[in-house]
Amino acid sequence: MTRVVFLLAPGVHILDLAGPAQVFSTAAGLGFDYELSYVGEQEDVLSAQGLPLRTATTWPALKPNDLILVPGWRAPT
């Protein structure tokens, strides 16, 4: 199994999260061995569009073939 962990920072853009999450979720549904996880510094991460997202605050155990994705976000100005 390959774990795909999305690291969500405040201000994450929903489309930048949804696209890759959909790809890996669909691949898993087609029989590829992916497990998706969402991690953030806090349980509730507010997206750039104002939608709150719920995440885990602890990292899952990772192996060398696991993936960490950091979807797009914009630093506060």
PDB file of N, CA and C in Angstrom:
ATOM      1  N   MET A   1       0.833  -1.178   0.000  1.00  0.00           N
ATOM      2  CA  MET A   1       0.000   0.000   0.000  1.00  0.00           C
ATOM      3  C   MET A   1       0.883   1.249   0.000  1.00  0.00           C
ATOM      4  N   THR A   2       0.489   2.197  -0.794  1.00  0.00           N
ATOM      5  CA  THR A   2       1.143   3.503  -0.798  1.00  0.00           C
ATOM      6  C   THR A   2       0.215   4.498  -0.127  1.00  0.00           C
ATOM      7  N   ARG A   3       0.711   5.123   0.906  1.00  0.00           N
ATOM      8  CA  ARG A   3      -0.072   6.145   1.592  1.00  0.00           C
ATOM      9  C   ARG A   3       0.186   7.480   0.900  1.00  0.00           C
ATOM     10  N   VAL A   4      -0.885   8.208   0.623  1.00  0.00           N
ATOM     11  CA  VAL A   4      -0.797   9.541   0.032  1.00  0.00           C
ATOM     12  C   VAL A   4      -1.278  10.517   1.099  1.00  0.00           C
ATOM     13  N   VAL A   5      -0.358  11.322   1.613  1.00  0.00           N
ATOM     14  CA  VAL A   5      -0.683  12.252   2.693  1.00  0.00           C
ATOM     15  C   VAL A   5      -0.725  13.669   2.127  1.00  0.00           C
ATOM     16  N   PHE A   6      -1.846  14.330   2.326  1.00  0.00           N
ATOM     17  CA  PHE A   6      -2.003  15.726   1.931  1.00  0.00           C
ATOM     18  C   PHE A   6      -1.751  16.586   3.162  1.00  0.00           C
ATOM     19  N   LEU A   7      -0.741  17.437   3.087  1.00  0.00           N
ATOM     20  CA  LEU A   7      -0.446  18.374   4.166  1.00  0.00           C
ATOM     21  C   LEU A   7      -1.188  19.669   3.855  1.00  0.00           C
ATOM     22  N   LEU A   8      -2.168  20.001   4.692  1.00  0.00           N
ATOM     23  CA  LEU A   8      -3.022  21.155   4.432  1.00  0.00           C
ATOM     24  C   LEU A   8      -2.615  22.329   5.314  1.00  0.00           C
ATOM     25  N   ALA A   9      -2.243  23.418   4.669  1.00  0.00           N
ATOM     26  CA  ALA A   9      -1.889  24.649   5.367  1.00  0.00           C
ATOM     27  C   ALA A   9      -3.073  25.611   5.289  1.00  0.00           C
ATOM     28  N   PRO A  10      -3.211  26.508   6.262  1.00  0.00           N
ATOM     29  CA  PRO A  10      -4.276  27.506   6.177  1.00  0.00           C
ATOM     30  C   PRO A  10      -4.177  28.266   4.851  1.00  0.00           C
ATOM     31  N   GLY A  11      -5.312  28.482   4.229  1.00  0.00           N
ATOM     32  CA  GLY A  11      -5.335  29.186   2.955  1.00  0.00           C
ATOM     33  C   GLY A  11      -5.176  28.268   1.754  1.00  0.00           C
ATOM     34  N   VAL A  12      -5.244  26.955   1.975  1.00  0.00           N
ATOM     35  CA  VAL A  12      -5.134  26.010   0.865  1.00  0.00           C
ATOM     36  C   VAL A  12      -6.251  26.289  -0.143  1.00  0.00           C
ATOM     37  N   HIS A  13      -5.927  26.173  -1.405  1.00  0.00           N
ATOM     38  CA  HIS A  13      -6.932  26.355  -2.455  1.00  0.00           C
ATOM     39  C   HIS A  13      -7.630  25.019  -2.692  1.00  0.00           C
ATOM     40  N   ILE A  14      -8.941  25.029  -2.607  1.00  0.00           N
ATOM     41  CA  ILE A  14      -9.720  23.791  -2.683  1.00  0.00           C
ATOM     42  C   ILE A  14      -9.450  23.027  -3.976  1.00  0.00           C
ATOM     43  N   LEU A  15      -9.377  23.722  -5.094  1.00  0.00           N
ATOM     44  CA  LEU A  15      -9.152  23.040  -6.371  1.00  0.00           C
ATOM     45  C   LEU A  15      -7.790  22.348  -6.391  1.00  0.00           C
ATOM     46  N   ASP A  16      -6.792  22.962  -5.763  1.00  0.00           N
ATOM     47  CA  ASP A  16      -5.461  22.353  -5.718  1.00  0.00           C
ATOM     48  C   ASP A  16      -5.442  21.097  -4.852  1.00  0.00           C
ATOM     49  N   LEU A  17      -6.363  21.000  -3.920  1.00  0.00           N
ATOM     50  CA  LEU A  17      -6.511  19.795  -3.105  1.00  0.00           C
ATOM     51  C   LEU A  17      -7.403  18.776  -3.806  1.00  0.00           C
ATOM     52  N   ALA A  18      -8.526  19.238  -4.335  1.00  0.00           N
ATOM     53  CA  ALA A  18      -9.535  18.330  -4.875  1.00  0.00           C
ATOM     54  C   ALA A  18      -9.045  17.555  -6.095  1.00  0.00           C
ATOM     55  N   GLY A  19      -8.305  18.208  -6.983  1.00  0.00           N
ATOM     56  CA  GLY A  19      -7.837  17.526  -8.193  1.00  0.00           C
ATOM     57  C   GLY A  19      -6.973  16.314  -7.881  1.00  0.00           C
ATOM     58  N   PRO A  20      -5.862  16.503  -7.163  1.00  0.00           N
ATOM     59  CA  PRO A  20      -5.020  15.349  -6.835  1.00  0.00           C
ATOM     60  C   PRO A  20      -5.737  14.319  -5.954  1.00  0.00           C
ATOM     61  N   ALA A  21      -6.564  14.783  -5.019  1.00  0.00           N
ATOM     62  CA  ALA A  21      -7.292  13.835  -4.169  1.00  0.00           C
ATOM     63  C   ALA A  21      -8.227  12.976  -5.014  1.00  0.00           C
ATOM     64  N   GLN A  22      -8.880  13.583  -5.998  1.00  0.00           N
ATOM     65  CA  GLN A  22      -9.782  12.823  -6.874  1.00  0.00           C
ATOM     66  C   GLN A  22      -9.012  11.800  -7.701  1.00  0.00           C
ATOM     67  N   VAL A  23      -7.850  12.183  -8.202  1.00  0.00           N
ATOM     68  CA  VAL A  23      -7.041  11.260  -9.009  1.00  0.00           C
ATOM     69  C   VAL A  23      -6.652  10.031  -8.191  1.00  0.00           C
ATOM     70  N   PHE A  24      -6.113  10.244  -6.995  1.00  0.00           N
ATOM     71  CA  PHE A  24      -5.684   9.106  -6.181  1.00  0.00           C
ATOM     72  C   PHE A  24      -6.873   8.305  -5.657  1.00  0.00           C
ATOM     73  N   SER A  25      -7.966   8.979  -5.340  1.00  0.00           N
ATOM     74  CA  SER A  25      -9.166   8.283  -4.884  1.00  0.00           C
ATOM     75  C   SER A  25      -9.743   7.405  -5.998  1.00  0.00           C
ATOM     76  N   THR A  26      -9.794   7.939  -7.196  1.00  0.00           N
ATOM     77  CA  THR A  26     -10.291   7.164  -8.337  1.00  0.00           C
ATOM     78  C   THR A  26      -9.375   5.983  -8.625  1.00  0.00           C
ATOM     79  N   ALA A  27      -8.068   6.219  -8.572  1.00  0.00           N
ATOM     80  CA  ALA A  27      -7.113   5.130  -8.793  1.00  0.00           C
ATOM     81  C   ALA A  27      -7.303   4.030  -7.754  1.00  0.00           C
ATOM     82  N   ALA A  28      -7.520   4.416  -6.499  1.00  0.00           N
ATOM     83  CA  ALA A  28      -7.759   3.422  -5.448  1.00  0.00           C
ATOM     84  C   ALA A  28      -9.040   2.647  -5.737  1.00  0.00           C
ATOM     85  N   GLY A  29     -10.062   3.343  -6.221  1.00  0.00           N
ATOM     86  CA  GLY A  29     -11.313   2.683  -6.565  1.00  0.00           C
ATOM     87  C   GLY A  29     -11.177   1.715  -7.730  1.00  0.00           C
ATOM     88  N   LEU A  30     -10.167   1.927  -8.552  1.00  0.00           N
ATOM     89  CA  LEU A  30      -9.911   1.045  -9.693  1.00  0.00           C
ATOM     90  C   LEU A  30      -8.959  -0.098  -9.338  1.00  0.00           C
ATOM     91  N   GLY A  31      -8.589  -0.180  -8.059  1.00  0.00           N
ATOM     92  CA  GLY A  31      -7.775  -1.304  -7.619  1.00  0.00           C
ATOM     93  C   GLY A  31      -6.325  -0.989  -7.310  1.00  0.00           C
ATOM     94  N   PHE A  32      -5.892   0.244  -7.553  1.00  0.00           N
ATOM     95  CA  PHE A  32      -4.527   0.604  -7.177  1.00  0.00           C
ATOM     96  C   PHE A  32      -4.468   0.761  -5.664  1.00  0.00           C
ATOM     97  N   ASP A  33      -3.337   0.449  -5.097  1.00  0.00           N
ATOM     98  CA  ASP A  33      -3.220   0.349  -3.645  1.00  0.00           C
ATOM     99  C   ASP A  33      -2.807   1.678  -3.012  1.00  0.00           C
ATOM    100  N   TYR A  34      -3.730   2.652  -3.003  1.00  0.00           N
ATOM    101  CA  TYR A  34      -3.495   3.954  -2.389  1.00  0.00           C
ATOM    102  C   TYR A  34      -4.416   4.126  -1.190  1.00  0.00           C
ATOM    103  N   GLU A  35      -3.879   4.738  -0.149  1.00  0.00           N
ATOM    104  CA  GLU A  35      -4.687   5.137   1.010  1.00  0.00           C
ATOM    105  C   GLU A  35      -4.430   6.615   1.248  1.00  0.00           C
ATOM    106  N   LEU A  36      -5.483   7.414   1.271  1.00  0.00           N
ATOM    107  CA  LEU A  36      -5.352   8.863   1.409  1.00  0.00           C
ATOM    108  C   LEU A  36      -5.502   9.293   2.859  1.00  0.00           C
ATOM    109  N   SER A  37      -4.671  10.264   3.256  1.00  0.00           N
ATOM    110  CA  SER A  37      -4.738  10.872   4.584  1.00  0.00           C
ATOM    111  C   SER A  37      -4.585  12.376   4.434  1.00  0.00           C
ATOM    112  N   TYR A  38      -5.139  13.102   5.391  1.00  0.00           N
ATOM    113  CA  TYR A  38      -5.079  14.564   5.381  1.00  0.00           C
ATOM    114  C   TYR A  38      -4.557  15.022   6.741  1.00  0.00           C
ATOM    115  N   VAL A  39      -3.479  15.798   6.727  1.00  0.00           N
ATOM    116  CA  VAL A  39      -2.825  16.223   7.961  1.00  0.00           C
ATOM    117  C   VAL A  39      -2.702  17.743   7.959  1.00  0.00           C
ATOM    118  N   GLY A  40      -2.901  18.331   9.123  1.00  0.00           N
ATOM    119  CA  GLY A  40      -2.727  19.770   9.279  1.00  0.00           C
ATOM    120  C   GLY A  40      -2.172  20.083  10.655  1.00  0.00           C
ATOM    121  N   GLU A  41      -1.742  21.305  10.822  1.00  0.00           N
ATOM    122  CA  GLU A  41      -1.218  21.730  12.115  1.00  0.00           C
ATOM    123  C   GLU A  41      -2.331  21.780  13.163  1.00  0.00           C
ATOM    124  N   GLN A  42      -3.545  22.093  12.697  1.00  0.00           N
ATOM    125  CA  GLN A  42      -4.725  22.115  13.561  1.00  0.00           C
ATOM    126  C   GLN A  42      -5.799  21.245  12.927  1.00  0.00           C
ATOM    127  N   GLU A  43      -6.761  20.800  13.721  1.00  0.00           N
ATOM    128  CA  GLU A  43      -7.823  19.945  13.183  1.00  0.00           C
ATOM    129  C   GLU A  43      -8.647  20.642  12.113  1.00  0.00           C
ATOM    130  N   ASP A  44      -8.911  21.913  12.288  1.00  0.00           N
ATOM    131  CA  ASP A  44      -9.691  22.665  11.313  1.00  0.00           C
ATOM    132  C   ASP A  44      -8.775  23.621  10.566  1.00  0.00           C
ATOM    133  N   VAL A  45      -8.735  23.465   9.251  1.00  0.00           N
ATOM    134  CA  VAL A  45      -7.917  24.314   8.389  1.00  0.00           C
ATOM    135  C   VAL A  45      -8.877  25.086   7.492  1.00  0.00           C
ATOM    136  N   LEU A  46      -8.769  26.401   7.500  1.00  0.00           N
ATOM    137  CA  LEU A  46      -9.645  27.229   6.682  1.00  0.00           C
ATOM    138  C   LEU A  46      -9.038  27.391   5.294  1.00  0.00           C
ATOM    139  N   SER A  47      -9.803  27.021   4.272  1.00  0.00           N
ATOM    140  CA  SER A  47      -9.316  27.144   2.897  1.00  0.00           C
ATOM    141  C   SER A  47      -9.358  28.602   2.453  1.00  0.00           C
ATOM    142  N   ALA A  48      -8.708  28.885   1.335  1.00  0.00           N
ATOM    143  CA  ALA A  48      -8.706  30.237   0.769  1.00  0.00           C
ATOM    144  C   ALA A  48     -10.115  30.672   0.385  1.00  0.00           C
ATOM    145  N   GLN A  49     -10.983  29.709   0.129  1.00  0.00           N
ATOM    146  CA  GLN A  49     -12.349  30.008  -0.275  1.00  0.00           C
ATOM    147  C   GLN A  49     -13.302  30.095   0.918  1.00  0.00           C
ATOM    148  N   GLY A  50     -12.773  29.948   2.123  1.00  0.00           N
ATOM    149  CA  GLY A  50     -13.582  30.074   3.329  1.00  0.00           C
ATOM    150  C   GLY A  50     -14.211  28.781   3.814  1.00  0.00           C
ATOM    151  N   LEU A  51     -13.925  27.674   3.144  1.00  0.00           N
ATOM    152  CA  LEU A  51     -14.475  26.384   3.545  1.00  0.00           C
ATOM    153  C   LEU A  51     -13.557  25.744   4.585  1.00  0.00           C
ATOM    154  N   PRO A  52     -14.073  25.430   5.772  1.00  0.00           N
ATOM    155  CA  PRO A  52     -13.227  24.761   6.762  1.00  0.00           C
ATOM    156  C   PRO A  52     -13.031  23.288   6.395  1.00  0.00           C
ATOM    157  N   LEU A  53     -11.819  22.804   6.557  1.00  0.00           N
ATOM    158  CA  LEU A  53     -11.478  21.415   6.256  1.00  0.00           C
ATOM    159  C   LEU A  53     -10.996  20.745   7.532  1.00  0.00           C
ATOM    160  N   ARG A  54     -11.433  19.526   7.780  1.00  0.00           N
ATOM    161  CA  ARG A  54     -11.047  18.777   8.976  1.00  0.00           C
ATOM    162  C   ARG A  54      -9.863  17.875   8.634  1.00  0.00           C
ATOM    163  N   THR A  55      -8.821  17.932   9.450  1.00  0.00           N
ATOM    164  CA  THR A  55      -7.630  17.119   9.218  1.00  0.00           C
ATOM    165  C   THR A  55      -7.226  16.399  10.494  1.00  0.00           C
ATOM    166  N   ALA A  56      -6.354  15.432  10.336  1.00  0.00           N
ATOM    167  CA  ALA A  56      -5.693  14.825  11.493  1.00  0.00           C
ATOM    168  C   ALA A  56      -4.545  15.750  11.888  1.00  0.00           C
ATOM    169  N   THR A  57      -4.149  15.704  13.133  1.00  0.00           N
ATOM    170  CA  THR A  57      -3.023  16.528  13.575  1.00  0.00           C
ATOM    171  C   THR A  57      -1.778  15.686  13.843  1.00  0.00           C
ATOM    172  N   THR A  58      -1.902  14.395  13.696  1.00  0.00           N
ATOM    173  CA  THR A  58      -0.743  13.518  13.853  1.00  0.00           C
ATOM    174  C   THR A  58      -0.477  12.816  12.527  1.00  0.00           C
ATOM    175  N   TRP A  59       0.786  12.662  12.225  1.00  0.00           N
ATOM    176  CA  TRP A  59       1.183  12.021  10.975  1.00  0.00           C
ATOM    177  C   TRP A  59       1.008  10.513  11.077  1.00  0.00           C
ATOM    178  N   PRO A  60       0.547   9.897  10.004  1.00  0.00           N
ATOM    179  CA  PRO A  60       0.528   8.432   9.983  1.00  0.00           C
ATOM    180  C   PRO A  60       1.959   7.914   9.828  1.00  0.00           C
ATOM    181  N   ALA A  61       2.148   6.661  10.146  1.00  0.00           N
ATOM    182  CA  ALA A  61       3.461   6.052   9.928  1.00  0.00           C
ATOM    183  C   ALA A  61       3.723   6.015   8.425  1.00  0.00           C
ATOM    184  N   LEU A  62       4.891   6.496   8.025  1.00  0.00           N
ATOM    185  CA  LEU A  62       5.227   6.571   6.602  1.00  0.00           C
ATOM    186  C   LEU A  62       6.328   5.588   6.249  1.00  0.00           C
ATOM    187  N   LYS A  63       6.269   5.112   5.013  1.00  0.00           N
ATOM    188  CA  LYS A  63       7.302   4.239   4.468  1.00  0.00           C
ATOM    189  C   LYS A  63       7.975   4.967   3.301  1.00  0.00           C
ATOM    190  N   PRO A  64       9.113   4.477   2.838  1.00  0.00           N
ATOM    191  CA  PRO A  64       9.842   5.179   1.770  1.00  0.00           C
ATOM    192  C   PRO A  64       9.045   5.395   0.484  1.00  0.00           C
ATOM    193  N   ASN A  65       8.103   4.528   0.161  1.00  0.00           N
ATOM    194  CA  ASN A  65       7.363   4.693  -1.096  1.00  0.00           C
ATOM    195  C   ASN A  65       6.091   5.532  -0.935  1.00  0.00           C
ATOM    196  N   ASP A  66       5.821   6.049   0.260  1.00  0.00           N
ATOM    197  CA  ASP A  66       4.649   6.889   0.475  1.00  0.00           C
ATOM    198  C   ASP A  66       4.875   8.279  -0.114  1.00  0.00           C
ATOM    199  N   LEU A  67       3.772   8.982  -0.353  1.00  0.00           N
ATOM    200  CA  LEU A  67       3.826  10.303  -0.973  1.00  0.00           C
ATOM    201  C   LEU A  67       3.293  11.362  -0.015  1.00  0.00           C
ATOM    202  N   ILE A  68       3.927  12.533  -0.023  1.00  0.00           N
ATOM    203  CA  ILE A  68       3.433  13.689   0.719  1.00  0.00           C
ATOM    204  C   ILE A  68       3.168  14.782  -0.304  1.00  0.00           C
ATOM    205  N   LEU A  69       1.938  15.268  -0.343  1.00  0.00           N
ATOM    206  CA  LEU A  69       1.569  16.338  -1.267  1.00  0.00           C
ATOM    207  C   LEU A  69       1.184  17.570  -0.466  1.00  0.00           C
ATOM    208  N   VAL A  70       1.636  18.718  -0.920  1.00  0.00           N
ATOM    209  CA  VAL A  70       1.287  19.993  -0.289  1.00  0.00           C
ATOM    210  C   VAL A  70       0.538  20.808  -1.335  1.00  0.00           C
ATOM    211  N   PRO A  71      -0.807  20.788  -1.274  1.00  0.00           N
ATOM    212  CA  PRO A  71      -1.588  21.535  -2.262  1.00  0.00           C
ATOM    213  C   PRO A  71      -1.328  23.032  -2.154  1.00  0.00           C
ATOM    214  N   GLY A  72      -1.576  23.739  -3.244  1.00  0.00           N
ATOM    215  CA  GLY A  72      -1.290  25.165  -3.332  1.00  0.00           C
ATOM    216  C   GLY A  72      -1.977  26.013  -2.283  1.00  0.00           C
ATOM    217  N   TRP A  73      -1.266  26.991  -1.843  1.00  0.00           N
ATOM    218  CA  TRP A  73      -1.791  27.969  -0.899  1.00  0.00           C
ATOM    219  C   TRP A  73      -1.034  29.263  -1.121  1.00  0.00           C
ATOM    220  N   ARG A  74      -1.580  30.322  -0.633  1.00  0.00           N
ATOM    221  CA  ARG A  74      -0.951  31.629  -0.773  1.00  0.00           C
ATOM    222  C   ARG A  74      -0.639  32.153   0.620  1.00  0.00           C
ATOM    223  N   ALA A  75       0.602  32.549   0.826  1.00  0.00           N
ATOM    224  CA  ALA A  75       0.997  33.102   2.120  1.00  0.00           C
ATOM    225  C   ALA A  75       0.269  34.429   2.345  1.00  0.00           C
ATOM    226  N   PRO A  76      -0.116  34.695   3.580  1.00  0.00           N
ATOM    227  CA  PRO A  76      -0.780  35.974   3.869  1.00  0.00           C
ATOM    228  C   PRO A  76       0.120  37.151   3.505  1.00  0.00           C
ATOM    229  N   THR A  77      -0.499  38.207   3.020  1.00  0.00           N
ATOM    230  CA  THR A  77       0.281  39.403   2.660  1.00  0.00           C
ATOM    231  C   THR A  77       0.073  40.495   3.671  1.00  0.00           C
TER     232      THR A  77
END
